[in-house]
Amino acid sequence: MPELIHAIKAINPDAIFKYVDDDINTIEWQEGTKPIANDVILAKLTELQTAYDALQYQRNRAKAYPSIVDQLDTLYHGGYDAWKASIDVVKNKYPKGAAL
């Protein structure tokens, strides 16, 4: 999940700063780092959150897929079609790009 640090580093990878409790109002720019306006940081944070949310289906699938051991067992005993069917259950439950 994107945090303040991710937004700042996405804007300026070389930024040196500190802040307290993920509070944008406590940012202290250090070692000559040019300050970034709060609205620019918040816009980048929103952009990163949108990208993160768009990939939720991938995180859901990763948790729901059978283990590799179970997948190999299904493949060995049932063949490709059985394995594909077991994977398709998860893919259908968490379709690509679906908002959940």
N, C-alpha and C. Protein backbone atom coordinates (compact mmCIF):
# COMPACT_ATOMS: atom_id res chain seq x y z
N MET A 1 0.85 -1.17 0.00
CA MET A 1 0.00 0.00 0.00
C MET A 1 0.89 1.24 0.00
N PRO A 2 0.64 2.16 -0.91
CA PRO A 2 1.49 3.34 -1.02
C PRO A 2 1.42 4.23 0.23
N GLU A 3 2.56 4.76 0.60
CA GLU A 3 2.66 5.67 1.73
C GLU A 3 3.35 6.95 1.27
N LEU A 4 3.37 7.90 2.14
CA LEU A 4 3.96 9.20 1.85
C LEU A 4 5.36 9.09 1.28
N ILE A 5 6.18 8.24 1.86
CA ILE A 5 7.55 8.08 1.39
C ILE A 5 7.59 7.64 -0.06
N HIS A 6 6.67 6.76 -0.46
CA HIS A 6 6.64 6.27 -1.84
C HIS A 6 6.32 7.40 -2.82
N ALA A 7 5.40 8.26 -2.43
CA ALA A 7 5.02 9.38 -3.29
C ALA A 7 6.20 10.35 -3.45
N ILE A 8 6.84 10.68 -2.35
CA ILE A 8 7.97 11.61 -2.41
C ILE A 8 9.10 11.03 -3.25
N LYS A 9 9.43 9.78 -3.03
CA LYS A 9 10.53 9.15 -3.77
C LYS A 9 10.17 8.96 -5.24
N ALA A 10 8.89 8.82 -5.56
CA ALA A 10 8.47 8.73 -6.96
C ALA A 10 8.68 10.07 -7.67
N ILE A 11 8.52 11.15 -6.93
CA ILE A 11 8.71 12.49 -7.50
C ILE A 11 10.20 12.83 -7.56
N ASN A 12 10.90 12.56 -6.47
CA ASN A 12 12.34 12.86 -6.40
C ASN A 12 13.05 11.72 -5.68
N PRO A 13 13.61 10.79 -6.45
CA PRO A 13 14.28 9.63 -5.83
C PRO A 13 15.45 10.00 -4.92
N ASP A 14 16.01 11.19 -5.10
CA ASP A 14 17.16 11.61 -4.30
C ASP A 14 16.78 12.45 -3.08
N ALA A 15 15.49 12.65 -2.87
CA ALA A 15 15.03 13.50 -1.77
C ALA A 15 15.48 12.92 -0.42
N ILE A 16 15.91 13.82 0.44
CA ILE A 16 16.28 13.45 1.81
C ILE A 16 15.36 14.26 2.72
N PHE A 17 14.66 13.55 3.58
CA PHE A 17 13.64 14.20 4.40
C PHE A 17 13.30 13.31 5.58
N LYS A 18 12.56 13.88 6.50
CA LYS A 18 11.99 13.09 7.59
C LYS A 18 10.62 13.65 7.90
N TYR A 19 9.80 12.81 8.51
CA TYR A 19 8.46 13.21 8.91
C TYR A 19 8.00 12.31 10.03
N VAL A 20 6.91 12.67 10.67
CA VAL A 20 6.42 11.93 11.83
C VAL A 20 5.03 11.39 11.53
N ASP A 21 4.81 10.11 11.85
CA ASP A 21 3.50 9.47 11.78
C ASP A 21 2.79 9.64 10.44
N ASP A 22 3.53 9.58 9.34
CA ASP A 22 2.96 9.69 8.00
C ASP A 22 2.13 10.97 7.85
N ASP A 23 2.53 12.02 8.56
CA ASP A 23 1.84 13.31 8.52
C ASP A 23 2.57 14.25 7.57
N ILE A 24 1.93 14.58 6.47
CA ILE A 24 2.54 15.43 5.44
C ILE A 24 2.95 16.80 6.00
N ASN A 25 2.28 17.25 7.01
CA ASN A 25 2.57 18.57 7.58
C ASN A 25 3.82 18.58 8.46
N THR A 26 4.41 17.42 8.69
CA THR A 26 5.62 17.36 9.52
C THR A 26 6.88 17.13 8.71
N ILE A 27 6.78 17.17 7.39
CA ILE A 27 7.96 16.91 6.55
C ILE A 27 9.01 17.99 6.79
N GLU A 28 10.23 17.52 7.01
CA GLU A 28 11.39 18.40 7.11
C GLU A 28 12.35 17.99 6.00
N TRP A 29 12.58 18.88 5.05
CA TRP A 29 13.48 18.62 3.93
C TRP A 29 14.91 18.83 4.41
N GLN A 30 15.77 17.90 4.08
CA GLN A 30 17.13 17.94 4.61
C GLN A 30 18.18 17.93 3.51
N GLU A 31 19.38 18.33 3.88
CA GLU A 31 20.56 18.31 3.01
C GLU A 31 20.32 18.97 1.67
N GLY A 32 19.63 20.10 1.70
CA GLY A 32 19.42 20.89 0.50
C GLY A 32 18.37 20.36 -0.46
N THR A 33 17.59 19.37 -0.02
CA THR A 33 16.53 18.85 -0.89
C THR A 33 15.50 19.94 -1.14
N LYS A 34 15.21 20.17 -2.39
CA LYS A 34 14.21 21.17 -2.75
C LYS A 34 12.83 20.68 -2.28
N PRO A 35 12.13 21.47 -1.50
CA PRO A 35 10.81 21.05 -1.01
C PRO A 35 9.83 20.78 -2.16
N ILE A 36 8.98 19.82 -1.93
CA ILE A 36 7.92 19.48 -2.88
C ILE A 36 6.61 19.93 -2.25
N ALA A 37 5.80 20.63 -3.01
CA ALA A 37 4.52 21.13 -2.49
C ALA A 37 3.62 19.97 -2.05
N ASN A 38 2.90 20.18 -0.96
CA ASN A 38 2.02 19.15 -0.42
C ASN A 38 1.00 18.66 -1.44
N ASP A 39 0.44 19.59 -2.24
CA ASP A 39 -0.57 19.17 -3.21
C ASP A 39 0.03 18.27 -4.29
N VAL A 40 1.30 18.49 -4.63
CA VAL A 40 1.98 17.63 -5.61
C VAL A 40 2.21 16.24 -5.02
N ILE A 41 2.62 16.20 -3.76
CA ILE A 41 2.83 14.92 -3.08
C ILE A 41 1.51 14.16 -2.98
N LEU A 42 0.44 14.84 -2.59
CA LEU A 42 -0.86 14.18 -2.44
C LEU A 42 -1.39 13.69 -3.78
N ALA A 43 -1.15 14.43 -4.85
CA ALA A 43 -1.57 13.99 -6.18
C ALA A 43 -0.82 12.73 -6.58
N LYS A 44 0.47 12.68 -6.30
CA LYS A 44 1.27 11.48 -6.62
C LYS A 44 0.82 10.31 -5.76
N LEU A 45 0.50 10.56 -4.50
CA LEU A 45 0.01 9.51 -3.61
C LEU A 45 -1.30 8.93 -4.14
N THR A 46 -2.18 9.77 -4.63
CA THR A 46 -3.44 9.31 -5.22
C THR A 46 -3.17 8.48 -6.46
N GLU A 47 -2.24 8.93 -7.28
CA GLU A 47 -1.87 8.18 -8.49
C GLU A 47 -1.33 6.79 -8.14
N LEU A 48 -0.44 6.73 -7.15
CA LEU A 48 0.12 5.45 -6.72
C LEU A 48 -0.95 4.54 -6.12
N GLN A 49 -1.89 5.12 -5.36
CA GLN A 49 -2.97 4.34 -4.78
C GLN A 49 -3.86 3.75 -5.86
N THR A 50 -4.15 4.53 -6.89
CA THR A 50 -4.97 4.05 -8.01
C THR A 50 -4.29 2.87 -8.70
N ALA A 51 -2.99 2.98 -8.93
CA ALA A 51 -2.24 1.89 -9.56
C ALA A 51 -2.23 0.65 -8.66
N TYR A 52 -2.06 0.86 -7.37
CA TYR A 52 -2.07 -0.25 -6.40
C TYR A 52 -3.43 -0.94 -6.39
N ASP A 53 -4.49 -0.16 -6.34
CA ASP A 53 -5.84 -0.72 -6.32
C ASP A 53 -6.15 -1.51 -7.58
N ALA A 54 -5.63 -1.05 -8.72
CA ALA A 54 -5.89 -1.72 -9.99
C ALA A 54 -5.30 -3.12 -10.04
N LEU A 55 -4.33 -3.39 -9.18
CA LEU A 55 -3.69 -4.71 -9.17
C LEU A 55 -4.15 -5.59 -8.01
N GLN A 56 -5.24 -5.21 -7.37
CA GLN A 56 -5.75 -6.00 -6.25
C GLN A 56 -6.07 -7.43 -6.67
N TYR A 57 -6.56 -7.60 -7.89
CA TYR A 57 -6.90 -8.95 -8.36
C TYR A 57 -5.66 -9.85 -8.33
N GLN A 58 -4.48 -9.30 -8.60
CA GLN A 58 -3.26 -10.11 -8.57
C GLN A 58 -2.94 -10.58 -7.15
N ARG A 59 -3.11 -9.69 -6.19
CA ARG A 59 -2.85 -10.07 -4.80
C ARG A 59 -3.86 -11.10 -4.32
N ASN A 60 -5.11 -10.94 -4.73
CA ASN A 60 -6.14 -11.92 -4.36
C ASN A 60 -5.84 -13.28 -4.97
N ARG A 61 -5.45 -13.28 -6.25
CA ARG A 61 -5.13 -14.54 -6.91
C ARG A 61 -3.95 -15.23 -6.23
N ALA A 62 -2.92 -14.46 -5.91
CA ALA A 62 -1.72 -15.05 -5.31
C ALA A 62 -2.05 -15.79 -4.02
N LYS A 63 -2.98 -15.25 -3.25
CA LYS A 63 -3.39 -15.89 -2.00
C LYS A 63 -4.27 -17.12 -2.26
N ALA A 64 -5.05 -17.10 -3.34
CA ALA A 64 -6.05 -18.13 -3.57
C ALA A 64 -5.55 -19.32 -4.41
N TYR A 65 -4.50 -19.12 -5.18
CA TYR A 65 -4.01 -20.24 -6.00
C TYR A 65 -3.57 -21.39 -5.10
N PRO A 66 -3.75 -22.62 -5.59
CA PRO A 66 -3.21 -23.75 -4.84
C PRO A 66 -1.68 -23.64 -4.76
N SER A 67 -1.11 -24.27 -3.77
CA SER A 67 0.35 -24.24 -3.64
C SER A 67 0.97 -24.89 -4.88
N ILE A 68 2.23 -24.59 -5.12
CA ILE A 68 2.94 -25.19 -6.26
C ILE A 68 2.93 -26.72 -6.14
N VAL A 69 3.10 -27.22 -4.93
CA VAL A 69 3.08 -28.67 -4.72
C VAL A 69 1.72 -29.24 -5.16
N ASP A 70 0.64 -28.60 -4.75
CA ASP A 70 -0.69 -29.07 -5.14
C ASP A 70 -0.92 -28.92 -6.64
N GLN A 71 -0.41 -27.84 -7.23
CA GLN A 71 -0.55 -27.67 -8.67
C GLN A 71 0.20 -28.77 -9.43
N LEU A 72 1.41 -29.08 -8.99
CA LEU A 72 2.18 -30.13 -9.65
C LEU A 72 1.51 -31.49 -9.48
N ASP A 73 0.94 -31.72 -8.32
CA ASP A 73 0.23 -32.97 -8.09
C ASP A 73 -0.98 -33.09 -9.02
N THR A 74 -1.73 -32.01 -9.16
CA THR A 74 -2.88 -32.00 -10.07
C THR A 74 -2.42 -32.21 -11.50
N LEU A 75 -1.34 -31.59 -11.88
CA LEU A 75 -0.80 -31.73 -13.23
C LEU A 75 -0.35 -33.17 -13.48
N TYR A 76 0.33 -33.75 -12.51
CA TYR A 76 0.82 -35.12 -12.67
C TYR A 76 -0.32 -36.14 -12.74
N HIS A 77 -1.27 -36.01 -11.83
CA HIS A 77 -2.34 -37.00 -11.75
C HIS A 77 -3.50 -36.72 -12.71
N GLY A 78 -3.75 -35.45 -12.99
CA GLY A 78 -4.92 -35.14 -13.82
C GLY A 78 -4.61 -34.58 -15.18
N GLY A 79 -3.35 -34.21 -15.40
CA GLY A 79 -2.96 -33.67 -16.69
C GLY A 79 -3.21 -32.16 -16.77
N TYR A 80 -2.87 -31.64 -17.93
CA TYR A 80 -2.95 -30.19 -18.15
C TYR A 80 -4.36 -29.66 -17.97
N ASP A 81 -5.35 -30.35 -18.51
CA ASP A 81 -6.73 -29.85 -18.43
C ASP A 81 -7.22 -29.75 -16.99
N ALA A 82 -6.86 -30.72 -16.16
CA ALA A 82 -7.26 -30.67 -14.74
C ALA A 82 -6.55 -29.52 -14.03
N TRP A 83 -5.26 -29.35 -14.33
CA TRP A 83 -4.51 -28.25 -13.73
C TRP A 83 -5.11 -26.91 -14.15
N LYS A 84 -5.36 -26.76 -15.45
CA LYS A 84 -5.91 -25.51 -15.97
C LYS A 84 -7.26 -25.22 -15.33
N ALA A 85 -8.08 -26.23 -15.14
CA ALA A 85 -9.39 -26.04 -14.51
C ALA A 85 -9.23 -25.54 -13.08
N SER A 86 -8.23 -26.07 -12.36
CA SER A 86 -8.03 -25.63 -10.96
C SER A 86 -7.57 -24.18 -10.90
N ILE A 87 -6.80 -23.77 -11.88
CA ILE A 87 -6.32 -22.39 -11.94
C ILE A 87 -7.44 -21.46 -12.40
N ASP A 88 -8.24 -21.92 -13.35
CA ASP A 88 -9.33 -21.09 -13.86
C ASP A 88 -10.37 -20.75 -12.79
N VAL A 89 -10.54 -21.61 -11.81
CA VAL A 89 -11.46 -21.32 -10.71
C VAL A 89 -11.05 -20.01 -10.03
N VAL A 90 -9.77 -19.89 -9.77
CA VAL A 90 -9.25 -18.68 -9.11
C VAL A 90 -9.33 -17.49 -10.05
N LYS A 91 -8.93 -17.68 -11.31
CA LYS A 91 -8.97 -16.58 -12.27
C LYS A 91 -10.40 -16.06 -12.47
N ASN A 92 -11.35 -16.95 -12.46
CA ASN A 92 -12.75 -16.53 -12.62
C ASN A 92 -13.26 -15.82 -11.37
N LYS A 93 -12.79 -16.26 -10.22
CA LYS A 93 -13.22 -15.62 -8.98
C LYS A 93 -12.65 -14.20 -8.87
N TYR A 94 -11.42 -14.03 -9.35
CA TYR A 94 -10.75 -12.72 -9.29
C TYR A 94 -10.33 -12.32 -10.71
N PRO A 95 -11.26 -11.86 -11.53
CA PRO A 95 -10.93 -11.52 -12.91
C PRO A 95 -9.97 -10.32 -13.00
N LYS A 96 -9.18 -10.34 -14.04
CA LYS A 96 -8.22 -9.28 -14.27
C LYS A 96 -8.93 -7.94 -14.39
N GLY A 97 -8.45 -6.97 -13.62
CA GLY A 97 -9.01 -5.62 -13.71
C GLY A 97 -10.31 -5.41 -12.98
N ALA A 98 -10.83 -6.42 -12.31
CA ALA A 98 -12.10 -6.25 -11.60
C ALA A 98 -11.87 -5.46 -10.32
N ALA A 99 -12.73 -4.51 -10.06
CA ALA A 99 -12.66 -3.74 -8.83
C ALA A 99 -13.37 -4.51 -7.73
N LEU A 100 -12.65 -4.78 -6.66
CA LEU A 100 -13.27 -5.54 -5.55
C LEU A 100 -13.22 -4.72 -4.28
